[in-house]
PDB file of N, CA and C in Angstrom:
ATOM      1  N   MET A   1     -90.645 194.107-148.933  1.00  0.00           N
ATOM      2  CA  MET A   1     -91.368 193.906-147.915  1.00  0.00           C
ATOM      3  C   MET A   1     -92.941 193.790-148.053  1.00  0.00           C
ATOM      4  N   ALA A   2     -93.010 194.559-149.044  1.00  0.00           N
ATOM      5  CA  ALA A   2     -94.642 194.821-149.534  1.00  0.00           C
ATOM      6  C   ALA A   2     -95.161 193.126-150.056  1.00  0.00           C
ATOM      7  N   VAL A   3     -94.345 192.542-150.794  1.00  0.00           N
ATOM      8  CA  VAL A   3     -94.764 191.079-151.099  1.00  0.00           C
ATOM      9  C   VAL A   3     -94.571 190.119-150.110  1.00  0.00           C
ATOM     10  N   LEU A   4     -93.677 190.680-148.906  1.00  0.00           N
ATOM     11  CA  LEU A   4     -94.207 189.387-147.777  1.00  0.00           C
ATOM     12  C   LEU A   4     -95.216 189.784-147.190  1.00  0.00           C
ATOM     13  N   ALA A   5     -96.023 190.817-147.101  1.00  0.00           N
ATOM     14  CA  ALA A   5     -97.294 191.302-146.428  1.00  0.00           C
ATOM     15  C   ALA A   5     -98.304 190.583-147.268  1.00  0.00           C
ATOM     16  N   TRP A   6     -98.129 190.556-148.635  1.00  0.00           N
ATOM     17  CA  TRP A   6     -99.220 189.856-149.451  1.00  0.00           C
ATOM     18  C   TRP A   6     -99.267 188.500-149.406  1.00  0.00           C
ATOM     19  N   LEU A   7     -98.224 187.935-148.948  1.00  0.00           N
ATOM     20  CA  LEU A   7     -97.697 186.566-148.845  1.00  0.00           C
ATOM     21  C   LEU A   7     -98.325 185.935-147.483  1.00  0.00           C
ATOM     22  N   LEU A   8     -98.664 186.963-146.575  1.00  0.00           N
ATOM     23  CA  LEU A   8     -98.844 186.420-145.059  1.00  0.00           C
ATOM     24  C   LEU A   8    -100.200 186.499-144.997  1.00  0.00           C
ATOM     25  N   ILE A   9    -101.258 187.322-146.074  1.00  0.00           N
ATOM     26  CA  ILE A   9    -102.347 187.224-145.762  1.00  0.00           C
ATOM     27  C   ILE A   9    -103.333 186.003-145.946  1.00  0.00           C
ATOM     28  N   PRO A  10    -102.732 185.201-147.531  1.00  0.00           N
ATOM     29  CA  PRO A  10    -103.350 183.802-147.382  1.00  0.00           C
ATOM     30  C   PRO A  10    -103.012 182.824-146.399  1.00  0.00           C
ATOM     31  N   LEU A  11    -101.492 183.159-146.014  1.00  0.00           N
ATOM     32  CA  LEU A  11    -101.306 182.206-144.916  1.00  0.00           C
ATOM     33  C   LEU A  11    -102.025 182.250-143.870  1.00  0.00           C
ATOM     34  N   PHE A  12    -102.376 183.648-143.224  1.00  0.00           N
ATOM     35  CA  PHE A  12    -102.934 183.919-142.157  1.00  0.00           C
ATOM     36  C   PHE A  12    -104.637 183.241-142.370  1.00  0.00           C
ATOM     37  N   ALA A  13    -104.841 183.322-143.858  1.00  0.00           N
ATOM     38  CA  ALA A  13    -106.311 182.882-143.914  1.00  0.00           C
ATOM     39  C   ALA A  13    -106.470 181.082-144.184  1.00  0.00           C
ATOM     40  N   ALA A  14    -105.047 180.462-144.124  1.00  0.00           N
ATOM     41  CA  ALA A  14    -105.354 179.276-144.156  1.00  0.00           C
ATOM     42  C   ALA A  14    -105.324 179.039-142.971  1.00  0.00           C
ATOM     43  N   VAL A  15    -104.399 179.455-142.216  1.00  0.00           N
ATOM     44  CA  VAL A  15    -104.636 179.344-140.761  1.00  0.00           C
ATOM     45  C   VAL A  15    -105.978 179.142-139.987  1.00  0.00           C
ATOM     46  N   GLY A  16    -106.289 180.280-140.362  1.00  0.00           N
ATOM     47  CA  GLY A  16    -107.601 180.704-139.691  1.00  0.00           C
ATOM     48  C   GLY A  16    -108.726 179.625-139.917  1.00  0.00           C
ATOM     49  N   ALA A  17    -108.759 179.276-141.390  1.00  0.00           N
ATOM     50  CA  ALA A  17    -109.444 178.290-142.079  1.00  0.00           C
ATOM     51  C   ALA A  17    -109.535 177.125-141.221  1.00  0.00           C
ATOM     52  N   ALA A  18    -108.314 176.545-140.879  1.00  0.00           N
ATOM     53  CA  ALA A  18    -107.673 175.552-140.263  1.00  0.00           C
ATOM     54  C   ALA A  18    -108.349 175.088-139.027  1.00  0.00           C
ATOM     55  N   ILE A  19    -108.359 176.502-138.158  1.00  0.00           N
ATOM     56  CA  ILE A  19    -108.575 176.529-137.079  1.00  0.00           C
ATOM     57  C   ILE A  19    -110.293 176.203-136.653  1.00  0.00           C
ATOM     58  N   TRP A  20    -111.001 177.248-137.618  1.00  0.00           N
ATOM     59  CA  TRP A  20    -112.204 177.113-137.405  1.00  0.00           C
ATOM     60  C   TRP A  20    -112.733 175.661-138.198  1.00  0.00           C
ATOM     61  N   GLY A  21    -112.238 175.034-139.120  1.00  0.00           N
ATOM     62  CA  GLY A  21    -112.631 173.879-139.361  1.00  0.00           C
ATOM     63  C   GLY A  21    -112.552 172.541-138.447  1.00  0.00           C
ATOM     64  N   GLY A  22    -111.105 173.069-137.672  1.00  0.00           N
ATOM     65  CA  GLY A  22    -111.214 172.140-136.298  1.00  0.00           C
ATOM     66  C   GLY A  22    -112.095 172.395-135.334  1.00  0.00           C
ATOM     67  N   TRP A  23    -112.693 173.437-134.976  1.00  0.00           N
ATOM     68  CA  TRP A  23    -113.817 173.790-134.034  1.00  0.00           C
ATOM     69  C   TRP A  23    -115.187 173.217-134.861  1.00  0.00           C
ATOM     70  N   ALA A  24    -115.342 173.652-135.900  1.00  0.00           N
ATOM     71  CA  ALA A  24    -116.836 173.320-136.671  1.00  0.00           C
ATOM     72  C   ALA A  24    -116.930 171.608-136.595  1.00  0.00           C
ATOM     73  N   SER A  25    -115.700 171.368-136.596  1.00  0.00           N
ATOM     74  CA  SER A  25    -115.954 169.460-136.860  1.00  0.00           C
ATOM     75  C   SER A  25    -115.644 168.435-135.544  1.00  0.00           C
ATOM     76  N   ARG A  26    -115.845 169.457-134.218  1.00  0.00           N
ATOM     77  CA  ARG A  26    -115.826 168.949-132.864  1.00  0.00           C
ATOM     78  C   ARG A  26    -116.716 167.939-132.561  1.00  0.00           C
ATOM     79  N   ASP A  27    -116.488 166.851-131.749  1.00  0.00           N
ATOM     80  CA  ASP A  27    -117.523 166.072-131.475  1.00  0.00           C
ATOM     81  C   ASP A  27    -118.492 166.995-130.238  1.00  0.00           C
ATOM     82  N   ARG A  28    -119.828 167.102-130.446  1.00  0.00           N
ATOM     83  CA  ARG A  28    -120.516 167.676-129.650  1.00  0.00           C
ATOM     84  C   ARG A  28    -121.463 166.707-128.951  1.00  0.00           C
ATOM     85  N   THR A  29    -121.186 165.562-128.646  1.00  0.00           N
ATOM     86  CA  THR A  29    -122.089 164.522-128.499  1.00  0.00           C
ATOM     87  C   THR A  29    -122.083 164.207-126.741  1.00  0.00           C
ATOM     88  N   THR A  30    -121.268 164.930-126.181  1.00  0.00           N
ATOM     89  CA  THR A  30    -120.773 165.098-124.837  1.00  0.00           C
ATOM     90  C   THR A  30    -122.058 165.032-123.666  1.00  0.00           C
ATOM     91  N   GLY A  31    -122.995 166.286-124.253  1.00  0.00           N
ATOM     92  CA  GLY A  31    -124.138 166.552-123.561  1.00  0.00           C
ATOM     93  C   GLY A  31    -124.978 165.984-123.516  1.00  0.00           C
ATOM     94  N   ASP A  32    -125.527 164.736-124.728  1.00  0.00           N
ATOM     95  CA  ASP A  32    -126.403 164.266-124.738  1.00  0.00           C
ATOM     96  C   ASP A  32    -127.197 163.281-123.743  1.00  0.00           C
ATOM     97  N   VAL A  33    -126.260 162.980-123.203  1.00  0.00           N
ATOM     98  CA  VAL A  33    -126.627 161.619-121.879  1.00  0.00           C
ATOM     99  C   VAL A  33    -127.119 162.706-121.144  1.00  0.00           C
ATOM    100  N   ALA A  34    -126.486 163.833-120.703  1.00  0.00           N
ATOM    101  CA  ALA A  34    -127.069 164.316-119.739  1.00  0.00           C
ATOM    102  C   ALA A  34    -128.822 165.062-120.065  1.00  0.00           C
ATOM    103  N   GLU A  35    -128.660 165.292-121.583  1.00  0.00           N
ATOM    104  CA  GLU A  35    -129.930 165.666-121.846  1.00  0.00           C
ATOM    105  C   GLU A  35    -131.051 164.722-122.099  1.00  0.00           C
ATOM    106  N   LEU A  36    -131.077 163.659-122.492  1.00  0.00           N
ATOM    107  CA  LEU A  36    -131.545 162.675-122.293  1.00  0.00           C
ATOM    108  C   LEU A  36    -132.129 161.947-120.986  1.00  0.00           C
ATOM    109  N   ALA A  37    -131.312 162.252-119.962  1.00  0.00           N
ATOM    110  CA  ALA A  37    -131.588 161.627-118.703  1.00  0.00           C
ATOM    111  C   ALA A  37    -132.738 162.435-118.279  1.00  0.00           C
ATOM    112  N   GLY A  38    -132.338 164.000-118.665  1.00  0.00           N
ATOM    113  CA  GLY A  38    -133.433 164.984-118.475  1.00  0.00           C
ATOM    114  C   GLY A  38    -134.681 165.089-118.570  1.00  0.00           C
ATOM    115  N   TYR A  39    -134.582 164.554-120.097  1.00  0.00           N
ATOM    116  CA  TYR A  39    -135.733 164.145-120.585  1.00  0.00           C
ATOM    117  C   TYR A  39    -136.743 163.137-120.300  1.00  0.00           C
ATOM    118  N   ALA A  40    -136.070 162.241-119.645  1.00  0.00           N
ATOM    119  CA  ALA A  40    -136.793 161.272-119.463  1.00  0.00           C
ATOM    120  C   ALA A  40    -137.238 161.406-117.547  1.00  0.00           C
ATOM    121  N   ARG A  41    -136.279 161.886-117.150  1.00  0.00           N
ATOM    122  CA  ARG A  41    -137.410 162.452-115.492  1.00  0.00           C
ATOM    123  C   ARG A  41    -138.222 163.342-116.170  1.00  0.00           C
ATOM    124  N   PHE A  42    -138.423 164.430-116.852  1.00  0.00           N
ATOM    125  CA  PHE A  42    -139.744 165.128-117.487  1.00  0.00           C
ATOM    126  C   PHE A  42    -140.524 164.575-117.698  1.00  0.00           C
ATOM    127  N   ARG A  43    -140.657 163.219-118.619  1.00  0.00           N
ATOM    128  CA  ARG A  43    -141.474 162.480-119.007  1.00  0.00           C
ATOM    129  C   ARG A  43    -141.992 161.945-117.888  1.00  0.00           C
ATOM    130  N   ASP A  44    -141.445 161.313-117.073  1.00  0.00           N
ATOM    131  CA  ASP A  44    -141.921 160.128-115.986  1.00  0.00           C
ATOM    132  C   ASP A  44    -142.725 161.261-115.122  1.00  0.00           C
ATOM    133  N   ALA A  45    -141.982 162.381-114.724  1.00  0.00           N
ATOM    134  CA  ALA A  45    -143.047 163.527-114.101  1.00  0.00           C
ATOM    135  C   ALA A  45    -144.129 163.688-114.853  1.00  0.00           C
ATOM    136  N   MET A  46    -144.378 164.198-115.918  1.00  0.00           N
ATOM    137  CA  MET A  46    -145.700 164.569-116.589  1.00  0.00           C
ATOM    138  C   MET A  46    -146.568 162.989-116.786  1.00  0.00           C
ATOM    139  N   GLU A  47    -146.057 161.793-116.781  1.00  0.00           N
ATOM    140  CA  GLU A  47    -146.975 160.837-116.764  1.00  0.00           C
ATOM    141  C   GLU A  47    -147.599 160.259-115.405  1.00  0.00           C
ATOM    142  N   LYS A  48    -146.834 161.206-114.142  1.00  0.00           N
ATOM    143  CA  LYS A  48    -147.349 160.610-112.984  1.00  0.00           C
ATOM    144  C   LYS A  48    -148.911 161.118-112.571  1.00  0.00           C
ATOM    145  N   VAL A  49    -149.855 160.953-111.790  1.00  0.00           N
ATOM    146  CA  VAL A  49    -150.884 161.057-111.707  1.00  0.00           C
ATOM    147  C   VAL A  49    -150.872 161.846-109.793  1.00  0.00           C
ATOM    148  N   ARG A  50    -151.288 162.820-109.655  1.00  0.00           N
ATOM    149  CA  ARG A  50    -151.432 163.458-108.567  1.00  0.00           C
ATOM    150  C   ARG A  50    -152.732 163.332-107.938  1.00  0.00           C
ATOM    151  N   PRO A  51    -152.650 162.536-106.373  1.00  0.00           N
ATOM    152  CA  PRO A  51    -153.718 162.171-105.881  1.00  0.00           C
ATOM    153  C   PRO A  51    -154.860 163.342-105.686  1.00  0.00           C
ATOM    154  N   ASP A  52    -154.451 164.483-105.853  1.00  0.00           N
ATOM    155  CA  ASP A  52    -155.400 165.672-105.379  1.00  0.00           C
ATOM    156  C   ASP A  52    -155.873 166.287-106.398  1.00  0.00           C
ATOM    157  N   ALA A  53    -155.048 165.785-107.849  1.00  0.00           N
ATOM    158  CA  ALA A  53    -155.776 166.180-108.869  1.00  0.00           C
ATOM    159  C   ALA A  53    -157.105 166.034-109.523  1.00  0.00           C
ATOM    160  N   GLU A  54    -157.947 167.125-110.118  1.00  0.00           N
ATOM    161  CA  GLU A  54    -158.992 166.804-110.553  1.00  0.00           C
ATOM    162  C   GLU A  54    -159.224 166.196-112.054  1.00  0.00           C
ATOM    163  N   PRO A  55    -160.053 165.132-111.929  1.00  0.00           N
ATOM    164  CA  PRO A  55    -160.257 164.646-113.713  1.00  0.00           C
ATOM    165  C   PRO A  55    -160.447 165.685-114.925  1.00  0.00           C
ATOM    166  N   ALA A  56    -159.819 165.491-115.470  1.00  0.00           N
ATOM    167  CA  ALA A  56    -159.839 166.400-116.949  1.00  0.00           C
ATOM    168  C   ALA A  56    -161.201 166.375-117.291  1.00  0.00           C
ATOM    169  N   ALA A  57    -161.624 167.550-117.657  1.00  0.00           N
ATOM    170  CA  ALA A  57    -163.034 167.747-118.566  1.00  0.00           C
ATOM    171  C   ALA A  57    -162.817 167.104-119.967  1.00  0.00           C
ATOM    172  N   PRO A  58    -164.128 166.447-120.025  1.00  0.00           N
ATOM    173  CA  PRO A  58    -164.299 165.805-121.430  1.00  0.00           C
ATOM    174  C   PRO A  58    -163.874 166.418-122.556  1.00  0.00           C
ATOM    175  N   ALA A  59    -163.713 165.617-123.669  1.00  0.00           N
ATOM    176  CA  ALA A  59    -163.523 166.638-124.936  1.00  0.00           C
ATOM    177  C   ALA A  59    -164.624 166.932-125.517  1.00  0.00           C
ATOM    178  N   ARG A  60    -164.584 168.026-126.027  1.00  0.00           N
ATOM    179  CA  ARG A  60    -165.985 168.644-126.843  1.00  0.00           C
ATOM    180  C   ARG A  60    -166.480 167.542-127.973  1.00  0.00           C
ATOM    181  N   PRO A  61    -167.717 167.774-128.146  1.00  0.00           N
ATOM    182  CA  PRO A  61    -168.228 166.862-129.162  1.00  0.00           C
ATOM    183  C   PRO A  61    -167.642 167.259-130.330  1.00  0.00           C
ATOM    184  N   ALA A  62    -167.702 166.375-131.251  1.00  0.00           N
ATOM    185  CA  ALA A  62    -167.145 166.481-132.440  1.00  0.00           C
ATOM    186  C   ALA A  62    -168.097 167.494-133.237  1.00  0.00           C
ATOM    187  N   GLU A  63    -169.374 167.538-133.297  1.00  0.00           N
ATOM    188  CA  GLU A  63    -170.178 168.783-133.797  1.00  0.00           C
ATOM    189  C   GLU A  63    -169.764 170.016-133.537  1.00  0.00           C
ATOM    190  N   SER A  64    -169.276 170.519-132.346  1.00  0.00           N
ATOM    191  CA  SER A  64    -168.987 171.436-132.044  1.00  0.00           C
ATOM    192  C   SER A  64    -167.310 172.141-132.496  1.00  0.00           C
ATOM    193  N   LEU A  65    -166.848 171.162-133.255  1.00  0.00           N
ATOM    194  CA  LEU A  65    -165.621 171.186-134.004  1.00  0.00           C
ATOM    195  C   LEU A  65    -165.361 171.602-135.164  1.00  0.00           C
ATOM    196  N   GLU A  66    -166.842 171.605-135.816  1.00  0.00           N
ATOM    197  CA  GLU A  66    -167.299 171.837-137.121  1.00  0.00           C
ATOM    198  C   GLU A  66    -166.794 173.063-137.736  1.00  0.00           C
ATOM    199  N   ALA A  67    -166.464 173.406-139.032  1.00  0.00           N
ATOM    200  CA  ALA A  67    -165.981 174.551-139.514  1.00  0.00           C
ATOM    201  C   ALA A  67    -167.152 175.682-139.365  1.00  0.00           C
ATOM    202  N   ARG A  68    -166.981 176.977-138.942  1.00  0.00           N
ATOM    203  CA  ARG A  68    -167.719 177.566-138.655  1.00  0.00           C
ATOM    204  C   ARG A  68    -167.397 178.638-140.193  1.00  0.00           C
ATOM    205  N   ASP A  69    -168.859 179.664-140.279  1.00  0.00           N
ATOM    206  CA  ASP A  69    -168.249 180.795-141.311  1.00  0.00           C
ATOM    207  C   ASP A  69    -167.005 182.000-140.476  1.00  0.00           C
ATOM    208  N   PRO A  70    -166.393 182.149-141.183  1.00  0.00           N
ATOM    209  CA  PRO A  70    -165.371 183.008-140.414  1.00  0.00           C
ATOM    210  C   PRO A  70    -166.046 184.571-139.906  1.00  0.00           C
ATOM    211  N   VAL A  71    -166.998 184.645-140.656  1.00  0.00           N
ATOM    212  CA  VAL A  71    -167.707 185.935-140.323  1.00  0.00           C
ATOM    213  C   VAL A  71    -168.613 186.059-139.316  1.00  0.00           C
ATOM    214  N   ASP A  72    -169.247 184.859-138.932  1.00  0.00           N
ATOM    215  CA  ASP A  72    -169.881 184.626-137.898  1.00  0.00           C
ATOM    216  C   ASP A  72    -169.035 184.786-136.459  1.00  0.00           C
ATOM    217  N   ALA A  73    -168.049 183.850-136.777  1.00  0.00           N
ATOM    218  CA  ALA A  73    -166.863 183.898-135.825  1.00  0.00           C
ATOM    219  C   ALA A  73    -166.281 185.151-135.018  1.00  0.00           C
ATOM    220  N   VAL A  74    -166.112 186.228-135.943  1.00  0.00           N
ATOM    221  CA  VAL A  74    -165.486 187.206-135.802  1.00  0.00           C
ATOM    222  C   VAL A  74    -166.789 188.230-135.120  1.00  0.00           C
ATOM    223  N   GLU A  75    -167.770 188.081-135.610  1.00  0.00           N
ATOM    224  CA  GLU A  75    -168.866 188.796-134.758  1.00  0.00           C
ATOM    225  C   GLU A  75    -169.323 188.420-133.470  1.00  0.00           C
ATOM    226  N   SER A  76    -169.249 187.163-133.356  1.00  0.00           N
ATOM    227  CA  SER A  76    -169.363 186.537-131.785  1.00  0.00           C
ATOM    228  C   SER A  76    -168.636 187.007-131.062  1.00  0.00           C
ATOM    229  N   VAL A  77    -167.505 187.668-131.230  1.00  0.00           N
ATOM    230  CA  VAL A  77    -166.744 188.128-130.175  1.00  0.00           C
ATOM    231  C   VAL A  77    -167.049 189.470-129.688  1.00  0.00           C
ATOM    232  N   GLU A  78    -166.816 189.127-128.277  1.00  0.00           N
ATOM    233  CA  GLU A  78    -167.350 190.574-127.445  1.00  0.00           C
ATOM    234  C   GLU A  78    -166.237 191.455-127.588  1.00  0.00           C
ATOM    235  N   PRO A  79    -166.622 193.039-127.914  1.00  0.00           N
ATOM    236  CA  PRO A  79    -165.124 193.794-127.644  1.00  0.00           C
ATOM    237  C   PRO A  79    -164.957 193.883-126.203  1.00  0.00           C
ATOM    238  N   VAL A  80    -163.554 194.118-126.380  1.00  0.00           N
ATOM    239  CA  VAL A  80    -162.939 194.169-124.889  1.00  0.00           C
ATOM    240  C   VAL A  80    -163.138 195.465-124.342  1.00  0.00           C
TER     241      VAL A  80
END
């Protein structure tokens, strides 16, 4: 009987591996159409301009984006 038990362990492992292999290789593309449609709606909503919206602030000039000394940047921060 002990021999039968030792033969059943690899059999169960093989069945489990086959089930897992089938599950891992399943087709997962069913939700892509809905997700892509939702993304297209999101993109369309982001491109719309609201009539009551204020115009965006102009970008900062390039000279204000120059690298500063990190020590000066830390010292210029006000404590909370």
